[in-house]
Amino acid sequence: MSTVVMVVIAVIIVAAVVAAVAFLGRSRARTRRLRRRFGPEYDRAVERHGGRAAAEEELRTRERRHRELELRDLDPRRREEFRARWVGVQERFVDAPAQALEEADDLVRAVMGERGYPTRGFDDQIAHLSVEHARTLDHYRSAHVIGGKAAAGEATTEELRQAMVHYRALFEDLLSAPGGDRRAAPAAPAAPAGEAAAGPARDMKR
């Protein structure tokens, strides 16, 4: 084998190694970025798709679809109007918890619509919200499940109280001022049966 051929082969091998290292670096950087952006939604997607590559492709698709939305921040006046409406909903919980939960769901979706998010199709809402509000989506999912039980008349007062807290987490996240703190509110601990009726107003005003 001539020296020229050996040099060419060596160059090809080096180029392949460099390309492989660069690809691996980009892949790891993409994974880190998606983990930071989607938080727990990243692991949920990996579990659902059975692998990292398919999960990351879905999450990048969510980002592309999210960029097509015409999202807008709420002005301070509208933000306070929505908060005042939430106070009214939580006050009605004491006398009509199931009805208040329906109103909480309607109010959360009203804020979504005002921000520019789709308000129809729960899965579609989740996909779009996950790009900027991933850390409160488990709250929204839990509230949605309890809401289904409430519609069937199967939810306890304590479950309804927990659902209100879950809804509040996403509600406050959606109302956050640009650049504001978007940490999810923790789910409230279970209250003794005798405290269930008084719990929502006390817990949700903190």
C-alpha atoms as a PDB file:
ATOM      1  CA  MET A   1       0.000   0.000   0.000  1.00  0.00           C
ATOM      2  CA  SER A   2       1.438   3.341  -1.061  1.00  0.00           C
ATOM      3  CA  THR A   3       2.155   6.174   1.320  1.00  0.00           C
ATOM      4  CA  VAL A   4      -0.415   8.376  -0.411  1.00  0.00           C
ATOM      5  CA  VAL A   5      -3.179   5.801   0.092  1.00  0.00           C
ATOM      6  CA  MET A   6      -2.222   5.383   3.758  1.00  0.00           C
ATOM      7  CA  VAL A   7      -2.328   9.130   4.262  1.00  0.00           C
ATOM      8  CA  VAL A   8      -5.763   9.341   2.617  1.00  0.00           C
ATOM      9  CA  ILE A   9      -7.088   6.533   4.812  1.00  0.00           C
ATOM     10  CA  ALA A  10      -5.663   8.194   7.908  1.00  0.00           C
ATOM     11  CA  VAL A  11      -7.282  11.513   6.966  1.00  0.00           C
ATOM     12  CA  ILE A  12     -10.643   9.782   6.432  1.00  0.00           C
ATOM     13  CA  ILE A  13     -10.399   8.036   9.798  1.00  0.00           C
ATOM     14  CA  VAL A  14      -9.506  11.270  11.592  1.00  0.00           C
ATOM     15  CA  ALA A  15     -12.350  13.115   9.862  1.00  0.00           C
ATOM     16  CA  ALA A  16     -14.796  10.370  10.851  1.00  0.00           C
ATOM     17  CA  VAL A  17     -13.658  10.508  14.469  1.00  0.00           C
ATOM     18  CA  VAL A  18     -13.930  14.306  14.538  1.00  0.00           C
ATOM     19  CA  ALA A  19     -17.414  14.134  13.023  1.00  0.00           C
ATOM     20  CA  ALA A  20     -18.487  11.476  15.539  1.00  0.00           C
ATOM     21  CA  VAL A  21     -17.190  13.531  18.455  1.00  0.00           C
ATOM     22  CA  ALA A  22     -18.925  16.655  17.124  1.00  0.00           C
ATOM     23  CA  PHE A  23     -22.193  14.753  16.652  1.00  0.00           C
ATOM     24  CA  LEU A  24     -21.977  13.334  20.164  1.00  0.00           C
ATOM     25  CA  GLY A  25     -21.288  16.807  21.549  1.00  0.00           C
ATOM     26  CA  ARG A  26     -24.291  18.290  19.744  1.00  0.00           C
ATOM     27  CA  SER A  27     -26.480  15.419  20.883  1.00  0.00           C
ATOM     28  CA  ARG A  28     -25.477  15.870  24.519  1.00  0.00           C
ATOM     29  CA  ALA A  29     -25.961  19.637  24.295  1.00  0.00           C
ATOM     30  CA  ARG A  30     -29.423  19.130  22.797  1.00  0.00           C
ATOM     31  CA  THR A  31     -30.342  16.694  25.558  1.00  0.00           C
ATOM     32  CA  ARG A  32     -29.183  19.123  28.248  1.00  0.00           C
ATOM     33  CA  ARG A  33     -31.161  21.946  26.650  1.00  0.00           C
ATOM     34  CA  LEU A  34     -34.344  19.897  26.375  1.00  0.00           C
ATOM     35  CA  ARG A  35     -33.989  18.640  29.951  1.00  0.00           C
ATOM     36  CA  ARG A  36     -33.635  22.211  31.189  1.00  0.00           C
ATOM     37  CA  ARG A  37     -36.591  23.432  29.182  1.00  0.00           C
ATOM     38  CA  PHE A  38     -39.035  20.577  29.719  1.00  0.00           C
ATOM     39  CA  GLY A  39     -38.025  19.389  33.178  1.00  0.00           C
ATOM     40  CA  PRO A  40     -40.201  16.428  34.245  1.00  0.00           C
ATOM     41  CA  GLU A  41     -41.862  16.390  30.823  1.00  0.00           C
ATOM     42  CA  TYR A  42     -38.568  15.164  29.343  1.00  0.00           C
ATOM     43  CA  ASP A  43     -38.590  12.008  31.468  1.00  0.00           C
ATOM     44  CA  ARG A  44     -42.298  11.513  30.819  1.00  0.00           C
ATOM     45  CA  ALA A  45     -41.685  11.656  27.065  1.00  0.00           C
ATOM     46  CA  VAL A  46     -38.774   9.188  27.284  1.00  0.00           C
ATOM     47  CA  GLU A  47     -40.934   6.771  29.238  1.00  0.00           C
ATOM     48  CA  ARG A  48     -43.854   7.106  26.843  1.00  0.00           C
ATOM     49  CA  HIS A  49     -41.733   6.663  23.697  1.00  0.00           C
ATOM     50  CA  GLY A  50     -39.394   4.076  25.138  1.00  0.00           C
ATOM     51  CA  GLY A  51     -36.224   5.939  24.217  1.00  0.00           C
ATOM     52  CA  ARG A  52     -34.418   9.255  24.168  1.00  0.00           C
ATOM     53  CA  ALA A  53     -34.274   9.812  20.402  1.00  0.00           C
ATOM     54  CA  ALA A  54     -38.030   9.518  19.830  1.00  0.00           C
ATOM     55  CA  ALA A  55     -38.775  11.560  22.937  1.00  0.00           C
ATOM     56  CA  GLU A  56     -36.477  14.388  21.870  1.00  0.00           C
ATOM     57  CA  GLU A  57     -37.985  14.423  18.401  1.00  0.00           C
ATOM     58  CA  GLU A  58     -41.440  14.876  19.939  1.00  0.00           C
ATOM     59  CA  LEU A  59     -40.228  17.644  22.222  1.00  0.00           C
ATOM     60  CA  ARG A  60     -38.573  19.473  19.317  1.00  0.00           C
ATOM     61  CA  THR A  61     -41.868  19.139  17.420  1.00  0.00           C
ATOM     62  CA  ARG A  62     -43.623  20.742  20.378  1.00  0.00           C
ATOM     63  CA  GLU A  63     -41.134  23.617  20.216  1.00  0.00           C
ATOM     64  CA  ARG A  64     -41.766  24.107  16.495  1.00  0.00           C
ATOM     65  CA  ARG A  65     -45.540  24.146  17.010  1.00  0.00           C
ATOM     66  CA  HIS A  66     -45.153  26.454  19.983  1.00  0.00           C
ATOM     67  CA  ARG A  67     -43.287  28.989  17.841  1.00  0.00           C
ATOM     68  CA  GLU A  68     -46.336  29.168  15.568  1.00  0.00           C
ATOM     69  CA  LEU A  69     -48.521  30.475  18.401  1.00  0.00           C
ATOM     70  CA  GLU A  70     -49.044  34.201  18.807  1.00  0.00           C
ATOM     71  CA  LEU A  71     -48.434  34.304  22.551  1.00  0.00           C
ATOM     72  CA  ARG A  72     -48.762  37.487  24.555  1.00  0.00           C
ATOM     73  CA  ASP A  73     -48.205  38.525  28.151  1.00  0.00           C
ATOM     74  CA  LEU A  74     -51.039  39.875  30.234  1.00  0.00           C
ATOM     75  CA  ASP A  75     -50.997  43.535  31.104  1.00  0.00           C
ATOM     76  CA  PRO A  76     -51.053  44.267  34.852  1.00  0.00           C
ATOM     77  CA  ARG A  77     -54.715  45.305  34.825  1.00  0.00           C
ATOM     78  CA  ARG A  78     -55.905  42.050  33.253  1.00  0.00           C
ATOM     79  CA  ARG A  79     -53.630  40.081  35.561  1.00  0.00           C
ATOM     80  CA  GLU A  80     -55.303  41.613  38.613  1.00  0.00           C
ATOM     81  CA  GLU A  81     -58.770  41.107  37.118  1.00  0.00           C
ATOM     82  CA  PHE A  82     -58.077  37.405  36.726  1.00  0.00           C
ATOM     83  CA  ARG A  83     -56.723  37.171  40.275  1.00  0.00           C
ATOM     84  CA  ALA A  84     -59.874  38.843  41.599  1.00  0.00           C
ATOM     85  CA  ARG A  85     -61.980  36.302  39.725  1.00  0.00           C
ATOM     86  CA  TRP A  86     -59.931  33.497  41.257  1.00  0.00           C
ATOM     87  CA  VAL A  87     -60.614  34.844  44.756  1.00  0.00           C
ATOM     88  CA  GLY A  88     -64.328  34.717  43.981  1.00  0.00           C
ATOM     89  CA  VAL A  89     -64.063  31.120  42.796  1.00  0.00           C
ATOM     90  CA  GLN A  90     -62.192  29.938  45.870  1.00  0.00           C
ATOM     91  CA  GLU A  91     -64.695  31.675  48.156  1.00  0.00           C
ATOM     92  CA  ARG A  92     -67.560  29.828  46.468  1.00  0.00           C
ATOM     93  CA  PHE A  93     -65.778  26.532  47.080  1.00  0.00           C
ATOM     94  CA  VAL A  94     -66.994  26.397  50.705  1.00  0.00           C
ATOM     95  CA  ASP A  95     -70.671  26.209  49.703  1.00  0.00           C
ATOM     96  CA  ALA A  96     -70.413  24.607  46.247  1.00  0.00           C
ATOM     97  CA  PRO A  97     -67.061  22.799  45.799  1.00  0.00           C
ATOM     98  CA  ALA A  98     -67.932  20.914  42.599  1.00  0.00           C
ATOM     99  CA  GLN A  99     -69.273  24.048  40.924  1.00  0.00           C
ATOM    100  CA  ALA A 100     -66.247  26.040  42.061  1.00  0.00           C
ATOM    101  CA  LEU A 101     -63.955  23.425  40.534  1.00  0.00           C
ATOM    102  CA  GLU A 102     -65.729  23.773  37.174  1.00  0.00           C
ATOM    103  CA  GLU A 103     -65.313  27.542  37.427  1.00  0.00           C
ATOM    104  CA  ALA A 104     -61.611  27.114  38.239  1.00  0.00           C
ATOM    105  CA  ASP A 105     -61.147  25.004  35.111  1.00  0.00           C
ATOM    106  CA  ASP A 106     -63.008  27.594  33.021  1.00  0.00           C
ATOM    107  CA  LEU A 107     -60.905  30.388  34.496  1.00  0.00           C
ATOM    108  CA  VAL A 108     -57.618  28.605  33.803  1.00  0.00           C
ATOM    109  CA  ARG A 109     -58.671  28.044  30.200  1.00  0.00           C
ATOM    110  CA  ALA A 110     -59.759  31.682  29.929  1.00  0.00           C
ATOM    111  CA  VAL A 111     -56.243  32.747  30.925  1.00  0.00           C
ATOM    112  CA  MET A 112     -54.789  30.286  28.407  1.00  0.00           C
ATOM    113  CA  GLY A 113     -56.915  31.825  25.665  1.00  0.00           C
ATOM    114  CA  GLU A 114     -55.964  35.357  26.660  1.00  0.00           C
ATOM    115  CA  ARG A 115     -52.303  34.375  26.529  1.00  0.00           C
ATOM    116  CA  GLY A 116     -52.777  32.846  23.054  1.00  0.00           C
ATOM    117  CA  TYR A 117     -52.772  29.138  23.929  1.00  0.00           C
ATOM    118  CA  PRO A 118     -55.311  26.711  22.446  1.00  0.00           C
ATOM    119  CA  THR A 119     -58.212  26.015  24.802  1.00  0.00           C
ATOM    120  CA  ARG A 120     -59.696  22.919  23.144  1.00  0.00           C
ATOM    121  CA  GLY A 121     -58.305  19.424  23.422  1.00  0.00           C
ATOM    122  CA  PHE A 122     -56.558  18.580  26.674  1.00  0.00           C
ATOM    123  CA  ASP A 123     -53.649  16.773  24.982  1.00  0.00           C
ATOM    124  CA  ASP A 124     -53.103  19.731  22.660  1.00  0.00           C
ATOM    125  CA  GLN A 125     -53.120  22.106  25.618  1.00  0.00           C
ATOM    126  CA  ILE A 126     -50.559  19.950  27.422  1.00  0.00           C
ATOM    127  CA  ALA A 127     -48.271  19.821  24.382  1.00  0.00           C
ATOM    128  CA  HIS A 128     -48.233  23.604  23.945  1.00  0.00           C
ATOM    129  CA  LEU A 129     -48.034  24.447  27.651  1.00  0.00           C
ATOM    130  CA  SER A 130     -45.140  22.042  28.180  1.00  0.00           C
ATOM    131  CA  VAL A 131     -42.715  24.303  26.303  1.00  0.00           C
ATOM    132  CA  GLU A 132     -42.874  27.126  28.861  1.00  0.00           C
ATOM    133  CA  HIS A 133     -44.901  25.726  31.765  1.00  0.00           C
ATOM    134  CA  ALA A 134     -43.654  22.149  32.053  1.00  0.00           C
ATOM    135  CA  ARG A 135     -43.106  22.284  35.805  1.00  0.00           C
ATOM    136  CA  THR A 136     -46.792  22.923  36.532  1.00  0.00           C
ATOM    137  CA  LEU A 137     -48.250  20.399  34.111  1.00  0.00           C
ATOM    138  CA  ASP A 138     -48.451  17.575  36.646  1.00  0.00           C
ATOM    139  CA  HIS A 139     -50.672  19.875  38.700  1.00  0.00           C
ATOM    140  CA  TYR A 140     -52.877  20.464  35.660  1.00  0.00           C
ATOM    141  CA  ARG A 141     -53.069  16.759  34.891  1.00  0.00           C
ATOM    142  CA  SER A 142     -54.055  15.953  38.474  1.00  0.00           C
ATOM    143  CA  ALA A 143     -56.739  18.652  38.465  1.00  0.00           C
ATOM    144  CA  HIS A 144     -58.065  17.339  35.155  1.00  0.00           C
ATOM    145  CA  VAL A 145     -58.348  13.786  36.506  1.00  0.00           C
ATOM    146  CA  ILE A 146     -60.167  14.939  39.639  1.00  0.00           C
ATOM    147  CA  GLY A 147     -62.417  17.123  37.506  1.00  0.00           C
ATOM    148  CA  GLY A 148     -63.472  14.020  35.600  1.00  0.00           C
ATOM    149  CA  LYS A 149     -64.303  12.281  38.881  1.00  0.00           C
ATOM    150  CA  ALA A 150     -66.231  15.337  40.039  1.00  0.00           C
ATOM    151  CA  ALA A 151     -68.285  15.363  36.836  1.00  0.00           C
ATOM    152  CA  ALA A 152     -69.261  11.766  37.584  1.00  0.00           C
ATOM    153  CA  GLY A 153     -70.076  12.634  41.198  1.00  0.00           C
ATOM    154  CA  GLU A 154     -67.247  10.446  42.492  1.00  0.00           C
ATOM    155  CA  ALA A 155     -64.808  13.009  43.959  1.00  0.00           C
ATOM    156  CA  THR A 156     -64.518  13.618  47.679  1.00  0.00           C
ATOM    157  CA  THR A 157     -64.425  17.118  49.160  1.00  0.00           C
ATOM    158  CA  GLU A 158     -60.734  16.644  49.931  1.00  0.00           C
ATOM    159  CA  GLU A 159     -60.023  15.643  46.322  1.00  0.00           C
ATOM    160  CA  LEU A 160     -61.877  18.727  45.137  1.00  0.00           C
ATOM    161  CA  ARG A 161     -59.783  20.851  47.483  1.00  0.00           C
ATOM    162  CA  GLN A 162     -56.590  19.307  46.123  1.00  0.00           C
ATOM    163  CA  ALA A 163     -57.782  19.967  42.563  1.00  0.00           C
ATOM    164  CA  MET A 164     -58.280  23.640  43.385  1.00  0.00           C
ATOM    165  CA  VAL A 165     -54.701  23.823  44.631  1.00  0.00           C
ATOM    166  CA  HIS A 166     -53.496  22.072  41.463  1.00  0.00           C
ATOM    167  CA  TYR A 167     -55.427  24.495  39.255  1.00  0.00           C
ATOM    168  CA  ARG A 168     -53.984  27.418  41.195  1.00  0.00           C
ATOM    169  CA  ALA A 169     -50.432  26.262  40.417  1.00  0.00           C
ATOM    170  CA  LEU A 170     -50.941  26.527  36.646  1.00  0.00           C
ATOM    171  CA  PHE A 171     -53.133  29.612  37.037  1.00  0.00           C
ATOM    172  CA  GLU A 172     -50.377  31.516  38.845  1.00  0.00           C
ATOM    173  CA  ASP A 173     -47.778  30.263  36.379  1.00  0.00           C
ATOM    174  CA  LEU A 174     -49.806  31.552  33.445  1.00  0.00           C
ATOM    175  CA  LEU A 175     -50.309  34.887  35.188  1.00  0.00           C
ATOM    176  CA  SER A 176     -46.606  35.335  35.931  1.00  0.00           C
ATOM    177  CA  ALA A 177     -45.189  38.648  34.818  1.00  0.00           C
ATOM    178  CA  PRO A 178     -42.508  38.412  32.081  1.00  0.00           C
ATOM    179  CA  GLY A 179     -39.332  37.187  33.709  1.00  0.00           C
ATOM    180  CA  GLY A 180     -41.177  36.440  36.936  1.00  0.00           C
ATOM    181  CA  ASP A 181     -40.783  33.444  39.209  1.00  0.00           C
ATOM    182  CA  ARG A 182     -42.570  30.454  37.682  1.00  0.00           C
ATOM    183  CA  ARG A 183     -42.036  27.865  40.345  1.00  0.00           C
ATOM    184  CA  ALA A 184     -45.035  25.612  40.793  1.00  0.00           C
ATOM    185  CA  ALA A 185     -47.005  25.873  43.997  1.00  0.00           C
ATOM    186  CA  PRO A 186     -46.685  22.620  45.955  1.00  0.00           C
ATOM    187  CA  ALA A 187     -49.724  20.441  46.398  1.00  0.00           C
ATOM    188  CA  ALA A 188     -51.322  20.957  49.786  1.00  0.00           C
ATOM    189  CA  PRO A 189     -51.088  18.112  52.277  1.00  0.00           C
ATOM    190  CA  ALA A 190     -54.219  16.153  52.979  1.00  0.00           C
ATOM    191  CA  ALA A 191     -56.378  17.765  55.654  1.00  0.00           C
ATOM    192  CA  PRO A 192     -58.371  15.922  58.316  1.00  0.00           C
ATOM    193  CA  ALA A 193     -61.986  15.329  57.315  1.00  0.00           C
ATOM    194  CA  GLY A 194     -63.257  17.990  59.695  1.00  0.00           C
ATOM    195  CA  GLU A 195     -61.072  20.641  58.063  1.00  0.00           C
ATOM    196  CA  ALA A 196     -61.942  19.879  54.438  1.00  0.00           C
ATOM    197  CA  ALA A 197     -64.559  22.599  54.079  1.00  0.00           C
ATOM    198  CA  ALA A 198     -62.411  25.326  55.587  1.00  0.00           C
ATOM    199  CA  GLY A 199     -59.191  24.195  53.938  1.00  0.00           C
ATOM    200  CA  PRO A 200     -59.458  25.821  50.475  1.00  0.00           C
ATOM    201  CA  ALA A 201     -59.908  29.396  51.598  1.00  0.00           C
ATOM    202  CA  ARG A 202     -57.088  29.101  54.124  1.00  0.00           C
ATOM    203  CA  ASP A 203     -54.601  27.266  51.881  1.00  0.00           C
ATOM    204  CA  MET A 204     -55.244  29.177  48.656  1.00  0.00           C
ATOM    205  CA  LYS A 205     -54.815  32.612  50.196  1.00  0.00           C
ATOM    206  CA  ARG A 206     -51.259  31.926  51.295  1.00  0.00           C
END
